[in-house]
PDB file of all heavy atoms in Angstrom:
ATOM      1  N   LEU A   1     269.214-119.572  80.272  1.00  0.00           N
ATOM      2  CA  LEU A   1     268.066-119.778  79.409  1.00  0.00           C
ATOM      3  C   LEU A   1     268.337-120.872  78.379  1.00  0.00           C
ATOM      4  O   LEU A   1     267.526-121.773  78.172  1.00  0.00           O
ATOM      5  CB  LEU A   1     267.700-118.484  78.707  1.00  0.00           C
ATOM      6  CG  LEU A   1     266.643-118.577  77.597  1.00  0.00           C
ATOM      7  CD1 LEU A   1     265.292-118.936  78.181  1.00  0.00           C
ATOM      8  CD2 LEU A   1     266.541-117.251  76.825  1.00  0.00           C
ATOM      9  N   ALA A   2     269.538-120.818  77.769  1.00  0.00           N
ATOM     10  CA  ALA A   2     269.883-121.806  76.742  1.00  0.00           C
ATOM     11  C   ALA A   2     269.984-123.191  77.336  1.00  0.00           C
ATOM     12  O   ALA A   2     269.492-124.168  76.754  1.00  0.00           O
ATOM     13  CB  ALA A   2     271.216-121.394  76.102  1.00  0.00           C
ATOM     14  N   GLN A   3     270.604-123.298  78.488  1.00  0.00           N
ATOM     15  CA  GLN A   3     270.752-124.600  79.130  1.00  0.00           C
ATOM     16  C   GLN A   3     269.421-125.222  79.506  1.00  0.00           C
ATOM     17  O   GLN A   3     269.150-126.402  79.299  1.00  0.00           O
ATOM     18  CB  GLN A   3     271.647-124.490  80.372  1.00  0.00           C
ATOM     19  CG  GLN A   3     273.118-124.196  80.045  1.00  0.00           C
ATOM     20  CD  GLN A   3     273.933-123.952  81.325  1.00  0.00           C
ATOM     21  OE1 GLN A   3     273.396-123.842  82.401  1.00  0.00           O
ATOM     22  NE2 GLN A   3     275.267-123.876  81.156  1.00  0.00           N
ATOM     23  N   LYS A   4     268.510-124.396  80.058  1.00  0.00           N
ATOM     24  CA  LYS A   4     267.194-124.908  80.460  1.00  0.00           C
ATOM     25  C   LYS A   4     266.354-125.313  79.255  1.00  0.00           C
ATOM     26  O   LYS A   4     265.557-126.244  79.345  1.00  0.00           O
ATOM     27  CB  LYS A   4     266.466-123.839  81.259  1.00  0.00           C
ATOM     28  CG  LYS A   4     265.212-124.334  81.977  1.00  0.00           C
ATOM     29  CD  LYS A   4     264.632-123.251  82.878  1.00  0.00           C
ATOM     30  CE  LYS A   4     263.530-123.789  83.746  1.00  0.00           C
ATOM     31  NZ  LYS A   4     262.393-124.325  82.974  1.00  0.00           N
ATOM     32  N   ALA A   5     266.522-124.612  78.132  1.00  0.00           N
ATOM     33  CA  ALA A   5     265.704-124.880  76.939  1.00  0.00           C
ATOM     34  C   ALA A   5     266.380-125.847  75.978  1.00  0.00           C
ATOM     35  O   ALA A   5     265.881-126.054  74.856  1.00  0.00           O
ATOM     36  CB  ALA A   5     265.404-123.571  76.216  1.00  0.00           C
ATOM     37  N   GLY A   6     267.483-126.453  76.354  1.00  0.00           N
ATOM     38  CA  GLY A   6     268.125-127.473  75.522  1.00  0.00           C
ATOM     39  C   GLY A   6     268.902-126.926  74.363  1.00  0.00           C
ATOM     40  O   GLY A   6     269.186-127.631  73.375  1.00  0.00           O
ATOM     41  N   GLY A   7     269.248-125.638  74.432  1.00  0.00           N
ATOM     42  CA  GLY A   7     270.012-125.028  73.346  1.00  0.00           C
ATOM     43  C   GLY A   7     271.460-124.704  73.778  1.00  0.00           C
ATOM     44  O   GLY A   7     271.987-125.342  74.697  1.00  0.00           O
ATOM     45  N   LYS A   8     272.017-123.691  73.152  1.00  0.00           N
ATOM     46  CA  LYS A   8     273.387-123.322  73.444  1.00  0.00           C
ATOM     47  C   LYS A   8     273.569-121.824  73.161  1.00  0.00           C
ATOM     48  O   LYS A   8     272.984-121.311  72.207  1.00  0.00           O
ATOM     49  CB  LYS A   8     274.331-124.165  72.601  1.00  0.00           C
ATOM     50  CG  LYS A   8     275.815-123.974  72.950  1.00  0.00           C
ATOM     51  CD  LYS A   8     276.678-124.886  72.105  1.00  0.00           C
ATOM     52  CE  LYS A   8     278.172-124.696  72.435  1.00  0.00           C
ATOM     53  NZ  LYS A   8     279.041-125.540  71.558  1.00  0.00           N
ATOM     54  N   MET A   9     274.325-121.144  74.015  1.00  0.00           N
ATOM     55  CA  MET A   9     274.537-119.704  73.832  1.00  0.00           C
ATOM     56  C   MET A   9     275.769-119.456  72.980  1.00  0.00           C
ATOM     57  O   MET A   9     276.784-120.181  73.052  1.00  0.00           O
ATOM     58  CB  MET A   9     274.715-119.036  75.202  1.00  0.00           C
ATOM     59  CG  MET A   9     274.725-117.513  75.128  1.00  0.00           C
ATOM     60  SD  MET A   9     275.245-116.734  76.678  1.00  0.00           S
ATOM     61  CE  MET A   9     277.027-117.057  76.632  1.00  0.00           C
ATOM     62  N   PHE A  10     275.696-118.422  72.146  1.00  0.00           N
ATOM     63  CA  PHE A  10     276.810-118.002  71.300  1.00  0.00           C
ATOM     64  C   PHE A  10     277.011-116.510  71.373  1.00  0.00           C
ATOM     65  O   PHE A  10     276.081-115.778  71.695  1.00  0.00           O
ATOM     66  CB  PHE A  10     276.561-118.392  69.823  1.00  0.00           C
ATOM     67  CG  PHE A  10     276.467-119.863  69.576  1.00  0.00           C
ATOM     68  CD1 PHE A  10     275.274-120.548  69.748  1.00  0.00           C
ATOM     69  CD2 PHE A  10     277.595-120.597  69.174  1.00  0.00           C
ATOM     70  CE1 PHE A  10     275.186-121.909  69.535  1.00  0.00           C
ATOM     71  CE2 PHE A  10     277.510-121.958  68.974  1.00  0.00           C
ATOM     72  CZ  PHE A  10     276.315-122.601  69.137  1.00  0.00           C
ATOM     73  N   TYR A  11     278.240-116.079  71.101  1.00  0.00           N
ATOM     74  CA  TYR A  11     278.522-114.658  71.006  1.00  0.00           C
ATOM     75  C   TYR A  11     278.459-114.231  69.532  1.00  0.00           C
ATOM     76  O   TYR A  11     278.437-115.076  68.632  1.00  0.00           O
ATOM     77  CB  TYR A  11     279.896-114.344  71.595  1.00  0.00           C
ATOM     78  CG  TYR A  11     279.951-114.580  73.094  1.00  0.00           C
ATOM     79  CD1 TYR A  11     280.423-115.769  73.600  1.00  0.00           C
ATOM     80  CD2 TYR A  11     279.480-113.603  73.982  1.00  0.00           C
ATOM     81  CE1 TYR A  11     280.467-116.006  75.000  1.00  0.00           C
ATOM     82  CE2 TYR A  11     279.512-113.829  75.363  1.00  0.00           C
ATOM     83  CZ  TYR A  11     279.994-115.026  75.853  1.00  0.00           C
ATOM     84  OH  TYR A  11     280.007-115.251  77.195  1.00  0.00           O
ATOM     85  N   LYS A  12     278.397-112.946  69.288  1.00  0.00           N
ATOM     86  CA  LYS A  12     278.162-112.445  67.937  1.00  0.00           C
ATOM     87  C   LYS A  12     279.259-112.830  66.955  1.00  0.00           C
ATOM     88  O   LYS A  12     279.019-112.845  65.742  1.00  0.00           O
ATOM     89  CB  LYS A  12     277.980-110.926  67.961  1.00  0.00           C
ATOM     90  CG  LYS A  12     279.175-110.158  68.518  1.00  0.00           C
ATOM     91  CD  LYS A  12     278.834-108.691  68.686  1.00  0.00           C
ATOM     92  CE  LYS A  12     280.017-107.949  69.330  1.00  0.00           C
ATOM     93  NZ  LYS A  12     279.684-106.538  69.561  1.00  0.00           N
ATOM     94  N   ASN A  13     280.462-113.130  67.453  1.00  0.00           N
ATOM     95  CA  ASN A  13     281.566-113.534  66.556  1.00  0.00           C
ATOM     96  C   ASN A  13     281.619-115.067  66.400  1.00  0.00           C
ATOM     97  O   ASN A  13     282.572-115.576  65.814  1.00  0.00           O
ATOM     98  CB  ASN A  13     282.899-113.024  67.090  1.00  0.00           C
ATOM     99  CG  ASN A  13     283.210-113.524  68.510  1.00  0.00           C
ATOM    100  OD1 ASN A  13     282.335-114.134  69.141  1.00  0.00           O
ATOM    101  ND2 ASN A  13     284.445-113.284  68.956  1.00  0.00           N
ATOM    102  N   GLN A  14     280.588-115.767  66.886  1.00  0.00           N
ATOM    103  CA  GLN A  14     280.555-117.226  66.750  1.00  0.00           C
ATOM    104  C   GLN A  14     279.385-117.700  65.900  1.00  0.00           C
ATOM    105  O   GLN A  14     278.940-118.820  66.017  1.00  0.00           O
ATOM    106  CB  GLN A  14     280.454-117.868  68.161  1.00  0.00           C
ATOM    107  CG  GLN A  14     281.640-117.586  69.063  1.00  0.00           C
ATOM    108  CD  GLN A  14     281.411-118.199  70.459  1.00  0.00           C
ATOM    109  OE1 GLN A  14     280.385-118.057  71.041  1.00  0.00           O
ATOM    110  NE2 GLN A  14     282.458-118.892  70.961  1.00  0.00           N
ATOM    111  N   THR A  15     278.907-116.840  65.023  1.00  0.00           N
ATOM    112  CA  THR A  15     277.717-117.183  64.236  1.00  0.00           C
ATOM    113  C   THR A  15     277.987-118.346  63.270  1.00  0.00           C
ATOM    114  O   THR A  15     277.078-119.154  63.032  1.00  0.00           O
ATOM    115  CB  THR A  15     277.222-115.968  63.466  1.00  0.00           C
ATOM    116  OG1 THR A  15     278.306-115.406  62.702  1.00  0.00           O
ATOM    117  CG2 THR A  15     276.670-114.919  64.396  1.00  0.00           C
ATOM    118  N   ASN A  16     279.193-118.430  62.755  1.00  0.00           N
ATOM    119  CA  ASN A  16     279.496-119.561  61.835  1.00  0.00           C
ATOM    120  C   ASN A  16     279.390-120.894  62.560  1.00  0.00           C
ATOM    121  O   ASN A  16     278.917-121.904  61.984  1.00  0.00           O
ATOM    122  CB  ASN A  16     280.891-119.371  61.235  1.00  0.00           C
ATOM    123  CG  ASN A  16     280.947-118.232  60.235  1.00  0.00           C
ATOM    124  OD1 ASN A  16     279.918-117.896  59.636  1.00  0.00           O
ATOM    125  ND2 ASN A  16     282.094-117.600  60.082  1.00  0.00           N
ATOM    126  N   ILE A  17     279.838-120.934  63.806  1.00  0.00           N
ATOM    127  CA  ILE A  17     279.739-122.175  64.592  1.00  0.00           C
ATOM    128  C   ILE A  17     278.280-122.496  64.877  1.00  0.00           C
ATOM    129  O   ILE A  17     277.850-123.636  64.768  1.00  0.00           O
ATOM    130  CB  ILE A  17     280.509-122.014  65.926  1.00  0.00           C
ATOM    131  CG1 ILE A  17     281.986-121.699  65.659  1.00  0.00           C
ATOM    132  CG2 ILE A  17     280.398-123.276  66.760  1.00  0.00           C
ATOM    133  CD1 ILE A  17     282.778-121.372  66.915  1.00  0.00           C
ATOM    134  N   LEU A  18     277.489-121.432  65.170  1.00  0.00           N
ATOM    135  CA  LEU A  18     276.053-121.622  65.405  1.00  0.00           C
ATOM    136  C   LEU A  18     275.364-122.177  64.152  1.00  0.00           C
ATOM    137  O   LEU A  18     274.579-123.135  64.243  1.00  0.00           O
ATOM    138  CB  LEU A  18     275.423-120.272  65.812  1.00  0.00           C
ATOM    139  CG  LEU A  18     273.894-120.216  65.805  1.00  0.00           C
ATOM    140  CD1 LEU A  18     273.318-121.199  66.807  1.00  0.00           C
ATOM    141  CD2 LEU A  18     273.415-118.814  66.111  1.00  0.00           C
ATOM    142  N   PHE A  19     275.656-121.596  62.998  1.00  0.00           N
ATOM    143  CA  PHE A  19     275.022-122.058  61.751  1.00  0.00           C
ATOM    144  C   PHE A  19     275.350-123.526  61.486  1.00  0.00           C
ATOM    145  O   PHE A  19     274.488-124.321  61.075  1.00  0.00           O
ATOM    146  CB  PHE A  19     275.462-121.186  60.572  1.00  0.00           C
ATOM    147  CG  PHE A  19     275.009-119.753  60.670  1.00  0.00           C
ATOM    148  CD1 PHE A  19     275.605-118.748  59.937  1.00  0.00           C
ATOM    149  CD2 PHE A  19     273.980-119.399  61.549  1.00  0.00           C
ATOM    150  CE1 PHE A  19     275.194-117.447  60.011  1.00  0.00           C
ATOM    151  CE2 PHE A  19     273.560-118.072  61.616  1.00  0.00           C
ATOM    152  CZ  PHE A  19     274.175-117.100  60.860  1.00  0.00           C
ATOM    153  N   LYS A  20     276.604-123.883  61.731  1.00  0.00           N
ATOM    154  CA  LYS A  20     277.031-125.259  61.477  1.00  0.00           C
ATOM    155  C   LYS A  20     276.320-126.233  62.414  1.00  0.00           C
ATOM    156  O   LYS A  20     275.889-127.302  62.027  1.00  0.00           O
ATOM    157  CB  LYS A  20     278.551-125.371  61.629  1.00  0.00           C
ATOM    158  CG  LYS A  20     279.114-126.723  61.224  1.00  0.00           C
ATOM    159  CD  LYS A  20     280.642-126.733  61.297  1.00  0.00           C
ATOM    160  CE  LYS A  20     281.190-128.017  60.766  1.00  0.00           C
ATOM    161  NZ  LYS A  20     280.678-129.218  61.410  1.00  0.00           N
ATOM    162  N   ASP A  21     276.181-125.794  63.701  1.00  0.00           N
ATOM    163  CA  ASP A  21     275.466-126.646  64.676  1.00  0.00           C
ATOM    164  C   ASP A  21     274.006-126.895  64.266  1.00  0.00           C
ATOM    165  O   ASP A  21     273.487-127.975  64.391  1.00  0.00           O
ATOM    166  CB  ASP A  21     275.517-126.014  66.070  1.00  0.00           C
ATOM    167  CG  ASP A  21     276.839-126.258  66.766  1.00  0.00           C
ATOM    168  OD1 ASP A  21     277.739-126.851  66.144  1.00  0.00           O
ATOM    169  OD2 ASP A  21     276.953-125.843  67.950  1.00  0.00           O
ATOM    170  N   LEU A  22     273.376-125.820  63.798  1.00  0.00           N
ATOM    171  CA  LEU A  22     271.975-125.934  63.379  1.00  0.00           C
ATOM    172  C   LEU A  22     271.839-126.809  62.138  1.00  0.00           C
ATOM    173  O   LEU A  22     270.930-127.624  62.033  1.00  0.00           O
ATOM    174  CB  LEU A  22     271.384-124.542  63.110  1.00  0.00           C
ATOM    175  CG  LEU A  22     271.156-123.645  64.323  1.00  0.00           C
ATOM    176  CD1 LEU A  22     270.748-122.244  63.896  1.00  0.00           C
ATOM    177  CD2 LEU A  22     270.098-124.230  65.249  1.00  0.00           C
ATOM    178  N   ILE A  23     272.760-126.638  61.209  1.00  0.00           N
ATOM    179  CA  ILE A  23     272.684-127.400  59.958  1.00  0.00           C
ATOM    180  C   ILE A  23     272.987-128.883  60.189  1.00  0.00           C
ATOM    181  O   ILE A  23     272.328-129.772  59.626  1.00  0.00           O
ATOM    182  CB  ILE A  23     273.667-126.802  58.920  1.00  0.00           C
ATOM    183  CG1 ILE A  23     273.215-125.400  58.512  1.00  0.00           C
ATOM    184  CG2 ILE A  23     273.781-127.708  57.688  1.00  0.00           C
ATOM    185  CD1 ILE A  23     274.255-124.620  57.712  1.00  0.00           C
ATOM    186  N   ASP A  24     273.964-129.168  61.074  1.00  0.00           N
ATOM    187  CA  ASP A  24     274.351-130.561  61.341  1.00  0.00           C
ATOM    188  C   ASP A  24     273.467-131.273  62.353  1.00  0.00           C
ATOM    189  O   ASP A  24     273.555-132.492  62.486  1.00  0.00           O
ATOM    190  CB  ASP A  24     275.805-130.590  61.828  1.00  0.00           C
ATOM    191  CG  ASP A  24     276.779-130.127  60.759  1.00  0.00           C
ATOM    192  OD1 ASP A  24     276.391-130.131  59.570  1.00  0.00           O
ATOM    193  OD2 ASP A  24     277.928-129.776  61.113  1.00  0.00           O
ATOM    194  N   ASN A  25     272.652-130.522  63.076  1.00  0.00           N
ATOM    195  CA  ASN A  25     271.813-131.102  64.117  1.00  0.00           C
ATOM    196  C   ASN A  25     270.707-131.960  63.508  1.00  0.00           C
ATOM    197  O   ASN A  25     269.838-131.451  62.816  1.00  0.00           O
ATOM    198  CB  ASN A  25     271.196-129.985  64.984  1.00  0.00           C
ATOM    199  CG  ASN A  25     270.652-130.523  66.295  1.00  0.00           C
ATOM    200  OD1 ASN A  25     270.167-131.638  66.369  1.00  0.00           O
ATOM    201  ND2 ASN A  25     270.776-129.720  67.350  1.00  0.00           N
ATOM    202  N   LYS A  26     270.768-133.263  63.770  1.00  0.00           N
ATOM    203  CA  LYS A  26     269.791-134.184  63.179  1.00  0.00           C
ATOM    204  C   LYS A  26     268.431-134.127  63.844  1.00  0.00           C
ATOM    205  O   LYS A  26     267.481-134.766  63.356  1.00  0.00           O
ATOM    206  CB  LYS A  26     270.358-135.609  63.245  1.00  0.00           C
ATOM    207  CG  LYS A  26     271.617-135.803  62.399  1.00  0.00           C
ATOM    208  CD  LYS A  26     272.118-137.244  62.467  1.00  0.00           C
ATOM    209  CE  LYS A  26     273.362-137.435  61.618  1.00  0.00           C
ATOM    210  NZ  LYS A  26     273.879-138.813  61.676  1.00  0.00           N
ATOM    211  N   ALA A  27     268.323-133.360  64.944  1.00  0.00           N
ATOM    212  CA  ALA A  27     267.015-133.223  65.581  1.00  0.00           C
ATOM    213  C   ALA A  27     266.083-132.351  64.740  1.00  0.00           C
ATOM    214  O   ALA A  27     264.872-132.389  64.907  1.00  0.00           O
ATOM    215  CB  ALA A  27     267.174-132.631  66.967  1.00  0.00           C
ATOM    216  N   TYR A  28     266.676-131.558  63.854  1.00  0.00           N
ATOM    217  CA  TYR A  28     265.887-130.702  62.986  1.00  0.00           C
ATOM    218  C   TYR A  28     265.896-131.275  61.598  1.00  0.00           C
ATOM    219  O   TYR A  28     266.892-131.134  60.837  1.00  0.00           O
ATOM    220  CB  TYR A  28     266.433-129.258  62.997  1.00  0.00           C
ATOM    221  CG  TYR A  28     266.738-128.760  64.373  1.00  0.00           C
ATOM    222  CD1 TYR A  28     267.983-128.220  64.688  1.00  0.00           C
ATOM    223  CD2 TYR A  28     265.802-128.828  65.392  1.00  0.00           C
ATOM    224  CE1 TYR A  28     268.278-127.764  65.959  1.00  0.00           C
ATOM    225  CE2 TYR A  28     266.056-128.405  66.660  1.00  0.00           C
ATOM    226  CZ  TYR A  28     267.322-127.866  66.944  1.00  0.00           C
ATOM    227  OH  TYR A  28     267.596-127.421  68.233  1.00  0.00           O
ATOM    228  N   PHE A  29     264.865-131.979  61.238  1.00  0.00           N
ATOM    229  CA  PHE A  29     264.838-132.713  59.979  1.00  0.00           C
ATOM    230  C   PHE A  29     263.571-132.386  59.202  1.00  0.00           C
ATOM    231  O   PHE A  29     262.529-131.934  59.778  1.00  0.00           O
ATOM    232  CB  PHE A  29     264.928-134.205  60.228  1.00  0.00           C
ATOM    233  CG  PHE A  29     263.927-134.703  61.252  1.00  0.00           C
ATOM    234  CD1 PHE A  29     262.613-135.003  60.898  1.00  0.00           C
ATOM    235  CD2 PHE A  29     264.317-134.876  62.590  1.00  0.00           C
ATOM    236  CE1 PHE A  29     261.728-135.438  61.867  1.00  0.00           C
ATOM    237  CE2 PHE A  29     263.404-135.313  63.541  1.00  0.00           C
ATOM    238  CZ  PHE A  29     262.098-135.596  63.156  1.00  0.00           C
ATOM    239  N   THR A  30     263.650-132.605  57.903  1.00  0.00           N
ATOM    240  CA  THR A  30     262.492-132.387  57.030  1.00  0.00           C
ATOM    241  C   THR A  30     261.563-133.603  57.129  1.00  0.00           C
ATOM    242  O   THR A  30     262.015-134.722  57.070  1.00  0.00           O
ATOM    243  CB  THR A  30     262.946-132.204  55.588  1.00  0.00           C
ATOM    244  OG1 THR A  30     263.792-131.035  55.507  1.00  0.00           O
ATOM    245  CG2 THR A  30     261.737-132.014  54.652  1.00  0.00           C
ATOM    246  N   THR A  31     260.300-133.336  57.321  1.00  0.00           N
ATOM    247  CA  THR A  31     259.303-134.417  57.419  1.00  0.00           C
ATOM    248  C   THR A  31     258.592-134.547  56.086  1.00  0.00           C
ATOM    249  O   THR A  31     258.380-133.568  55.359  1.00  0.00           O
ATOM    250  CB  THR A  31     258.307-134.113  58.526  1.00  0.00           C
ATOM    251  OG1 THR A  31     257.655-132.899  58.295  1.00  0.00           O
ATOM    252  CG2 THR A  31     258.987-134.103  59.888  1.00  0.00           C
ATOM    253  N   GLN A  32     258.209-135.775  55.770  1.00  0.00           N
ATOM    254  CA  GLN A  32     257.484-136.080  54.524  1.00  0.00           C
ATOM    255  C   GLN A  32     256.134-136.601  54.862  1.00  0.00           C
ATOM    256  O   GLN A  32     255.956-137.521  55.677  1.00  0.00           O
ATOM    257  CB  GLN A  32     258.281-137.101  53.696  1.00  0.00           C
ATOM    258  CG  GLN A  32     257.922-137.103  52.235  1.00  0.00           C
ATOM    259  CD  GLN A  32     258.859-137.959  51.443  1.00  0.00           C
ATOM    260  OE1 GLN A  32     258.914-139.177  51.646  1.00  0.00           O
ATOM    261  NE2 GLN A  32     259.627-137.372  50.539  1.00  0.00           N
ATOM    262  N   LYS A  33     255.129-136.026  54.243  1.00  0.00           N
ATOM    263  CA  LYS A  33     253.759-136.380  54.552  1.00  0.00           C
ATOM    264  C   LYS A  33     253.004-136.726  53.262  1.00  0.00           C
ATOM    265  O   LYS A  33     253.136-136.025  52.243  1.00  0.00           O
ATOM    266  CB  LYS A  33     253.066-135.196  55.252  1.00  0.00           C
ATOM    267  CG  LYS A  33     251.694-135.506  55.809  1.00  0.00           C
ATOM    268  CD  LYS A  33     251.141-134.314  56.552  1.00  0.00           C
ATOM    269  CE  LYS A  33     249.794-134.601  57.181  1.00  0.00           C
ATOM    270  NZ  LYS A  33     249.280-133.457  57.911  1.00  0.00           N
ATOM    271  N   SER A  34     252.281-137.841  53.337  1.00  0.00           N
ATOM    272  CA  SER A  34     251.504-138.284  52.178  1.00  0.00           C
ATOM    273  C   SER A  34     250.083-137.708  52.268  1.00  0.00           C
ATOM    274  O   SER A  34     249.427-137.812  53.299  1.00  0.00           O
ATOM    275  CB  SER A  34     251.441-139.819  52.127  1.00  0.00           C
ATOM    276  OG  SER A  34     250.615-140.256  51.064  1.00  0.00           O
TER     277      SER A  34
END
């Protein structure tokens, strides 16, 4: 499921790695609208 949806699977003891991936991922950015 993760591979098909462009994500990545983690185990419950890997949450810190998951959080870091999400925070560092530049695909998820704040948009500014006028």
